[in-house]
Amino acid sequence: MIIPWQDLAPETLDNLIEAFVLREGTDYGEQERSLMEKVEDVRRQLKNGEAVLVWSELHETVNIMPRGQFRG
């Protein structure tokens, strides 16, 4: 189930995005990006609809995924 990111308290959304970014692992690009830059990238993707917040009833977890990969 998609959770509208606008329905979350700003601090909760920040914590979800930060946890998501931190679990993604090591960067292998030419330029290292700061945590703040990564968080802002994900926030932008949520705002423009490229990414969605997804609640898994099976696992009782929230994840962030590209809209095209969500099969609800």
PDB file of N, CA and C in Angstrom:
ATOM      1  N   MET A   1       0.842  -1.161   0.000  1.00  0.00           N
ATOM      2  CA  MET A   1       0.000   0.000   0.000  1.00  0.00           C
ATOM      3  C   MET A   1       0.902   1.244   0.000  1.00  0.00           C
ATOM      4  N   ILE A   2       0.583   2.198  -0.870  1.00  0.00           N
ATOM      5  CA  ILE A   2       1.335   3.445  -0.924  1.00  0.00           C
ATOM      6  C   ILE A   2       0.864   4.362   0.205  1.00  0.00           C
ATOM      7  N   ILE A   3       1.826   4.952   0.897  1.00  0.00           N
ATOM      8  CA  ILE A   3       1.540   5.923   1.947  1.00  0.00           C
ATOM      9  C   ILE A   3       1.863   7.301   1.379  1.00  0.00           C
ATOM     10  N   PRO A   4       0.914   8.231   1.374  1.00  0.00           N
ATOM     11  CA  PRO A   4       1.222   9.583   0.891  1.00  0.00           C
ATOM     12  C   PRO A   4       2.263  10.245   1.805  1.00  0.00           C
ATOM     13  N   TRP A   5       3.390  10.625   1.248  1.00  0.00           N
ATOM     14  CA  TRP A   5       4.458  11.213   2.060  1.00  0.00           C
ATOM     15  C   TRP A   5       3.996  12.496   2.734  1.00  0.00           C
ATOM     16  N   GLN A   6       3.022  13.186   2.139  1.00  0.00           N
ATOM     17  CA  GLN A   6       2.512  14.437   2.692  1.00  0.00           C
ATOM     18  C   GLN A   6       1.769  14.217   4.013  1.00  0.00           C
ATOM     19  N   ASP A   7       1.317  12.986   4.258  1.00  0.00           N
ATOM     20  CA  ASP A   7       0.565  12.687   5.478  1.00  0.00           C
ATOM     21  C   ASP A   7       1.459  12.472   6.695  1.00  0.00           C
ATOM     22  N   LEU A   8       2.758  12.353   6.476  1.00  0.00           N
ATOM     23  CA  LEU A   8       3.675  12.109   7.581  1.00  0.00           C
ATOM     24  C   LEU A   8       4.163  13.412   8.187  1.00  0.00           C
ATOM     25  N   ALA A   9       4.426  13.371   9.487  1.00  0.00           N
ATOM     26  CA  ALA A   9       5.062  14.509  10.147  1.00  0.00           C
ATOM     27  C   ALA A   9       6.436  14.702   9.522  1.00  0.00           C
ATOM     28  N   PRO A  10       6.872  15.954   9.347  1.00  0.00           N
ATOM     29  CA  PRO A  10       8.172  16.201   8.707  1.00  0.00           C
ATOM     30  C   PRO A  10       9.328  15.433   9.354  1.00  0.00           C
ATOM     31  N   GLU A  11       9.349  15.352  10.659  1.00  0.00           N
ATOM     32  CA  GLU A  11      10.433  14.644  11.344  1.00  0.00           C
ATOM     33  C   GLU A  11      10.390  13.141  11.038  1.00  0.00           C
ATOM     34  N   THR A  12       9.195  12.578  10.970  1.00  0.00           N
ATOM     35  CA  THR A  12       9.045  11.157  10.640  1.00  0.00           C
ATOM     36  C   THR A  12       9.534  10.888   9.221  1.00  0.00           C
ATOM     37  N   LEU A  13       9.146  11.758   8.286  1.00  0.00           N
ATOM     38  CA  LEU A  13       9.597  11.606   6.901  1.00  0.00           C
ATOM     39  C   LEU A  13      11.118  11.710   6.821  1.00  0.00           C
ATOM     40  N   ASP A  14      11.691  12.686   7.517  1.00  0.00           N
ATOM     41  CA  ASP A  14      13.149  12.831   7.528  1.00  0.00           C
ATOM     42  C   ASP A  14      13.819  11.552   8.033  1.00  0.00           C
ATOM     43  N   ASN A  15      13.291  10.986   9.117  1.00  0.00           N
ATOM     44  CA  ASN A  15      13.879   9.776   9.690  1.00  0.00           C
ATOM     45  C   ASN A  15      13.766   8.587   8.736  1.00  0.00           C
ATOM     46  N   LEU A  16      12.625   8.453   8.072  1.00  0.00           N
ATOM     47  CA  LEU A  16      12.458   7.366   7.107  1.00  0.00           C
ATOM     48  C   LEU A  16      13.428   7.490   5.938  1.00  0.00           C
ATOM     49  N   ILE A  17      13.537   8.709   5.416  1.00  0.00           N
ATOM     50  CA  ILE A  17      14.445   8.924   4.280  1.00  0.00           C
ATOM     51  C   ILE A  17      15.884   8.664   4.698  1.00  0.00           C
ATOM     52  N   GLU A  18      16.279   9.177   5.862  1.00  0.00           N
ATOM     53  CA  GLU A  18      17.653   8.998   6.323  1.00  0.00           C
ATOM     54  C   GLU A  18      17.962   7.512   6.541  1.00  0.00           C
ATOM     55  N   ALA A  19      17.050   6.773   7.155  1.00  0.00           N
ATOM     56  CA  ALA A  19      17.266   5.336   7.359  1.00  0.00           C
ATOM     57  C   ALA A  19      17.391   4.614   6.019  1.00  0.00           C
ATOM     58  N   PHE A  20      16.560   4.995   5.051  1.00  0.00           N
ATOM     59  CA  PHE A  20      16.619   4.397   3.717  1.00  0.00           C
ATOM     60  C   PHE A  20      17.980   4.657   3.066  1.00  0.00           C
ATOM     61  N   VAL A  21      18.426   5.896   3.113  1.00  0.00           N
ATOM     62  CA  VAL A  21      19.702   6.266   2.488  1.00  0.00           C
ATOM     63  C   VAL A  21      20.864   5.535   3.159  1.00  0.00           C
ATOM     64  N   LEU A  22      20.825   5.427   4.461  1.00  0.00           N
ATOM     65  CA  LEU A  22      21.929   4.784   5.174  1.00  0.00           C
ATOM     66  C   LEU A  22      22.005   3.291   4.911  1.00  0.00           C
ATOM     67  N   ARG A  23      20.895   2.641   4.631  1.00  0.00           N
ATOM     68  CA  ARG A  23      20.943   1.193   4.397  1.00  0.00           C
ATOM     69  C   ARG A  23      21.276   0.845   2.959  1.00  0.00           C
ATOM     70  N   GLU A  24      21.352   1.830   2.091  1.00  0.00           N
ATOM     71  CA  GLU A  24      21.618   1.559   0.682  1.00  0.00           C
ATOM     72  C   GLU A  24      23.061   1.155   0.417  1.00  0.00           C
ATOM     73  N   GLY A  25      23.968   1.372   1.347  1.00  0.00           N
ATOM     74  CA  GLY A  25      25.335   0.896   1.169  1.00  0.00           C
ATOM     75  C   GLY A  25      26.282   1.963   0.673  1.00  0.00           C
ATOM     76  N   THR A  26      27.402   1.506   0.189  1.00  0.00           N
ATOM     77  CA  THR A  26      28.509   2.374  -0.204  1.00  0.00           C
ATOM     78  C   THR A  26      28.302   2.944  -1.595  1.00  0.00           C
ATOM     79  N   ASP A  27      28.726   4.185  -1.767  1.00  0.00           N
ATOM     80  CA  ASP A  27      28.710   4.809  -3.095  1.00  0.00           C
ATOM     81  C   ASP A  27      29.912   4.328  -3.884  1.00  0.00           C
ATOM     82  N   TYR A  28      29.709   4.132  -5.174  1.00  0.00           N
ATOM     83  CA  TYR A  28      30.804   3.741  -6.046  1.00  0.00           C
ATOM     84  C   TYR A  28      31.003   4.735  -7.182  1.00  0.00           C
ATOM     85  N   GLY A  29      30.361   5.887  -7.065  1.00  0.00           N
ATOM     86  CA  GLY A  29      30.489   6.907  -8.097  1.00  0.00           C
ATOM     87  C   GLY A  29      31.787   7.681  -7.976  1.00  0.00           C
ATOM     88  N   GLU A  30      31.997   8.563  -8.926  1.00  0.00           N
ATOM     89  CA  GLU A  30      33.214   9.363  -8.931  1.00  0.00           C
ATOM     90  C   GLU A  30      33.234  10.386  -7.803  1.00  0.00           C
ATOM     91  N   GLN A  31      32.061  10.884  -7.442  1.00  0.00           N
ATOM     92  CA  GLN A  31      31.992  11.895  -6.397  1.00  0.00           C
ATOM     93  C   GLN A  31      31.181  11.369  -5.224  1.00  0.00           C
ATOM     94  N   GLU A  32      31.766  11.476  -4.037  1.00  0.00           N
ATOM     95  CA  GLU A  32      31.055  11.100  -2.816  1.00  0.00           C
ATOM     96  C   GLU A  32      30.015  12.166  -2.515  1.00  0.00           C
ATOM     97  N   ARG A  33      28.813  11.748  -2.129  1.00  0.00           N
ATOM     98  CA  ARG A  33      27.738  12.692  -1.808  1.00  0.00           C
ATOM     99  C   ARG A  33      27.479  12.634  -0.313  1.00  0.00           C
ATOM    100  N   SER A  34      27.175  13.771   0.263  1.00  0.00           N
ATOM    101  CA  SER A  34      26.907  13.830   1.695  1.00  0.00           C
ATOM    102  C   SER A  34      25.555  13.201   2.005  1.00  0.00           C
ATOM    103  N   LEU A  35      25.356  12.859   3.264  1.00  0.00           N
ATOM    104  CA  LEU A  35      24.074  12.313   3.696  1.00  0.00           C
ATOM    105  C   LEU A  35      22.957  13.299   3.387  1.00  0.00           C
ATOM    106  N   MET A  36      23.183  14.575   3.637  1.00  0.00           N
ATOM    107  CA  MET A  36      22.168  15.598   3.377  1.00  0.00           C
ATOM    108  C   MET A  36      21.798  15.636   1.895  1.00  0.00           C
ATOM    109  N   GLU A  37      22.782  15.542   1.017  1.00  0.00           N
ATOM    110  CA  GLU A  37      22.511  15.552  -0.426  1.00  0.00           C
ATOM    111  C   GLU A  37      21.687  14.325  -0.836  1.00  0.00           C
ATOM    112  N   LYS A  38      22.025  13.166  -0.271  1.00  0.00           N
ATOM    113  CA  LYS A  38      21.280  11.953  -0.594  1.00  0.00           C
ATOM    114  C   LYS A  38      19.837  12.052  -0.104  1.00  0.00           C
ATOM    115  N   VAL A  39      19.658  12.572   1.117  1.00  0.00           N
ATOM    116  CA  VAL A  39      18.317  12.745   1.679  1.00  0.00           C
ATOM    117  C   VAL A  39      17.500  13.690   0.809  1.00  0.00           C
ATOM    118  N   GLU A  40      18.095  14.786   0.383  1.00  0.00           N
ATOM    119  CA  GLU A  40      17.384  15.749  -0.465  1.00  0.00           C
ATOM    120  C   GLU A  40      17.037  15.145  -1.820  1.00  0.00           C
ATOM    121  N   ASP A  41      17.903  14.303  -2.364  1.00  0.00           N
ATOM    122  CA  ASP A  41      17.598  13.623  -3.627  1.00  0.00           C
ATOM    123  C   ASP A  41      16.359  12.741  -3.486  1.00  0.00           C
ATOM    124  N   VAL A  42      16.302  11.976  -2.399  1.00  0.00           N
ATOM    125  CA  VAL A  42      15.153  11.096  -2.180  1.00  0.00           C
ATOM    126  C   VAL A  42      13.889  11.927  -1.944  1.00  0.00           C
ATOM    127  N   ARG A  43      14.008  12.989  -1.163  1.00  0.00           N
ATOM    128  CA  ARG A  43      12.856  13.864  -0.906  1.00  0.00           C
ATOM    129  C   ARG A  43      12.313  14.436  -2.222  1.00  0.00           C
ATOM    130  N   ARG A  44      13.217  14.862  -3.097  1.00  0.00           N
ATOM    131  CA  ARG A  44      12.815  15.392  -4.405  1.00  0.00           C
ATOM    132  C   ARG A  44      12.088  14.319  -5.216  1.00  0.00           C
ATOM    133  N   GLN A  45      12.592  13.099  -5.182  1.00  0.00           N
ATOM    134  CA  GLN A  45      11.963  12.007  -5.920  1.00  0.00           C
ATOM    135  C   GLN A  45      10.566  11.701  -5.384  1.00  0.00           C
ATOM    136  N   LEU A  46      10.378  11.799  -4.071  1.00  0.00           N
ATOM    137  CA  LEU A  46       9.050  11.605  -3.493  1.00  0.00           C
ATOM    138  C   LEU A  46       8.110  12.726  -3.932  1.00  0.00           C
ATOM    139  N   LYS A  47       8.607  13.955  -3.879  1.00  0.00           N
ATOM    140  CA  LYS A  47       7.763  15.112  -4.215  1.00  0.00           C
ATOM    141  C   LYS A  47       7.330  15.102  -5.676  1.00  0.00           C
ATOM    142  N   ASN A  48       8.214  14.670  -6.566  1.00  0.00           N
ATOM    143  CA  ASN A  48       7.832  14.705  -7.990  1.00  0.00           C
ATOM    144  C   ASN A  48       7.239  13.383  -8.478  1.00  0.00           C
ATOM    145  N   GLY A  49       7.031  12.449  -7.560  1.00  0.00           N
ATOM    146  CA  GLY A  49       6.340  11.210  -7.910  1.00  0.00           C
ATOM    147  C   GLY A  49       7.196  10.108  -8.488  1.00  0.00           C
ATOM    148  N   GLU A  50       8.505  10.302  -8.552  1.00  0.00           N
ATOM    149  CA  GLU A  50       9.394   9.255  -9.071  1.00  0.00           C
ATOM    150  C   GLU A  50       9.516   8.094  -8.094  1.00  0.00           C
ATOM    151  N   ALA A  51       9.386   8.384  -6.793  1.00  0.00           N
ATOM    152  CA  ALA A  51       9.497   7.372  -5.744  1.00  0.00           C
ATOM    153  C   ALA A  51       8.246   7.430  -4.868  1.00  0.00           C
ATOM    154  N   VAL A  52       7.964   6.319  -4.191  1.00  0.00           N
ATOM    155  CA  VAL A  52       6.799   6.244  -3.304  1.00  0.00           C
ATOM    156  C   VAL A  52       7.192   5.580  -1.991  1.00  0.00           C
ATOM    157  N   LEU A  53       6.447   5.922  -0.936  1.00  0.00           N
ATOM    158  CA  LEU A  53       6.563   5.237   0.350  1.00  0.00           C
ATOM    159  C   LEU A  53       5.601   4.064   0.309  1.00  0.00           C
ATOM    160  N   VAL A  54       6.086   2.886   0.662  1.00  0.00           N
ATOM    161  CA  VAL A  54       5.268   1.684   0.565  1.00  0.00           C
ATOM    162  C   VAL A  54       5.247   0.961   1.911  1.00  0.00           C
ATOM    163  N   TRP A  55       4.042   0.653   2.397  1.00  0.00           N
ATOM    164  CA  TRP A  55       3.855  -0.127   3.610  1.00  0.00           C
ATOM    165  C   TRP A  55       3.671  -1.590   3.223  1.00  0.00           C
ATOM    166  N   SER A  56       4.463  -2.462   3.843  1.00  0.00           N
ATOM    167  CA  SER A  56       4.320  -3.898   3.626  1.00  0.00           C
ATOM    168  C   SER A  56       3.586  -4.491   4.823  1.00  0.00           C
ATOM    169  N   GLU A  57       2.366  -4.956   4.588  1.00  0.00           N
ATOM    170  CA  GLU A  57       1.613  -5.596   5.667  1.00  0.00           C
ATOM    171  C   GLU A  57       2.273  -6.901   6.091  1.00  0.00           C
ATOM    172  N   LEU A  58       2.836  -7.612   5.141  1.00  0.00           N
ATOM    173  CA  LEU A  58       3.488  -8.879   5.434  1.00  0.00           C
ATOM    174  C   LEU A  58       4.668  -8.699   6.393  1.00  0.00           C
ATOM    175  N   HIS A  59       5.526  -7.706   6.089  1.00  0.00           N
ATOM    176  CA  HIS A  59       6.732  -7.483   6.884  1.00  0.00           C
ATOM    177  C   HIS A  59       6.562  -6.388   7.942  1.00  0.00           C
ATOM    178  N   GLU A  60       5.441  -5.673   7.882  1.00  0.00           N
ATOM    179  CA  GLU A  60       5.173  -4.541   8.773  1.00  0.00           C
ATOM    180  C   GLU A  60       6.325  -3.536   8.746  1.00  0.00           C
ATOM    181  N   THR A  61       6.687  -3.145   7.516  1.00  0.00           N
ATOM    182  CA  THR A  61       7.764  -2.185   7.314  1.00  0.00           C
ATOM    183  C   THR A  61       7.360  -1.147   6.276  1.00  0.00           C
ATOM    184  N   VAL A  62       8.068  -0.035   6.305  1.00  0.00           N
ATOM    185  CA  VAL A  62       7.907   1.010   5.300  1.00  0.00           C
ATOM    186  C   VAL A  62       9.172   1.033   4.464  1.00  0.00           C
ATOM    187  N   ASN A  63       9.004   1.135   3.160  1.00  0.00           N
ATOM    188  CA  ASN A  63      10.151   1.201   2.258  1.00  0.00           C
ATOM    189  C   ASN A  63       9.922   2.335   1.263  1.00  0.00           C
ATOM    190  N   ILE A  64      10.994   2.783   0.644  1.00  0.00           N
ATOM    191  CA  ILE A  64      10.937   3.779  -0.418  1.00  0.00           C
ATOM    192  C   ILE A  64      11.380   3.057  -1.682  1.00  0.00           C
ATOM    193  N   MET A  65      10.575   3.177  -2.729  1.00  0.00           N
ATOM    194  CA  MET A  65      10.939   2.489  -3.964  1.00  0.00           C
ATOM    195  C   MET A  65      10.519   3.325  -5.180  1.00  0.00           C
ATOM    196  N   PRO A  66      11.167   3.080  -6.312  1.00  0.00           N
ATOM    197  CA  PRO A  66      10.756   3.763  -7.535  1.00  0.00           C
ATOM    198  C   PRO A  66       9.307   3.408  -7.849  1.00  0.00           C
ATOM    199  N   ARG A  67       8.542   4.394  -8.278  1.00  0.00           N
ATOM    200  CA  ARG A  67       7.123   4.175  -8.573  1.00  0.00           C
ATOM    201  C   ARG A  67       6.930   3.024  -9.555  1.00  0.00           C
ATOM    202  N   GLY A  68       7.781   2.921 -10.545  1.00  0.00           N
ATOM    203  CA  GLY A  68       7.653   1.878 -11.557  1.00  0.00           C
ATOM    204  C   GLY A  68       7.849   0.471 -11.037  1.00  0.00           C
ATOM    205  N   GLN A  69       8.500   0.314  -9.891  1.00  0.00           N
ATOM    206  CA  GLN A  69       8.730  -1.008  -9.320  1.00  0.00           C
ATOM    207  C   GLN A  69       7.616  -1.435  -8.376  1.00  0.00           C
ATOM    208  N   PHE A  70       6.755  -0.501  -7.970  1.00  0.00           N
ATOM    209  CA  PHE A  70       5.687  -0.840  -7.025  1.00  0.00           C
ATOM    210  C   PHE A  70       4.593  -1.614  -7.737  1.00  0.00           C
ATOM    211  N   ARG A  71       4.294  -2.759  -7.208  1.00  0.00           N
ATOM    212  CA  ARG A  71       3.203  -3.577  -7.739  1.00  0.00           C
ATOM    213  C   ARG A  71       2.256  -3.862  -6.580  1.00  0.00           C
ATOM    214  N   GLY A  72       1.275  -2.982  -6.414  1.00  0.00           N
ATOM    215  CA  GLY A  72       0.382  -3.105  -5.272  1.00  0.00           C
ATOM    216  C   GLY A  72      -0.897  -3.660  -5.663  1.00  0.00           C
TER     217      GLY A  72
END
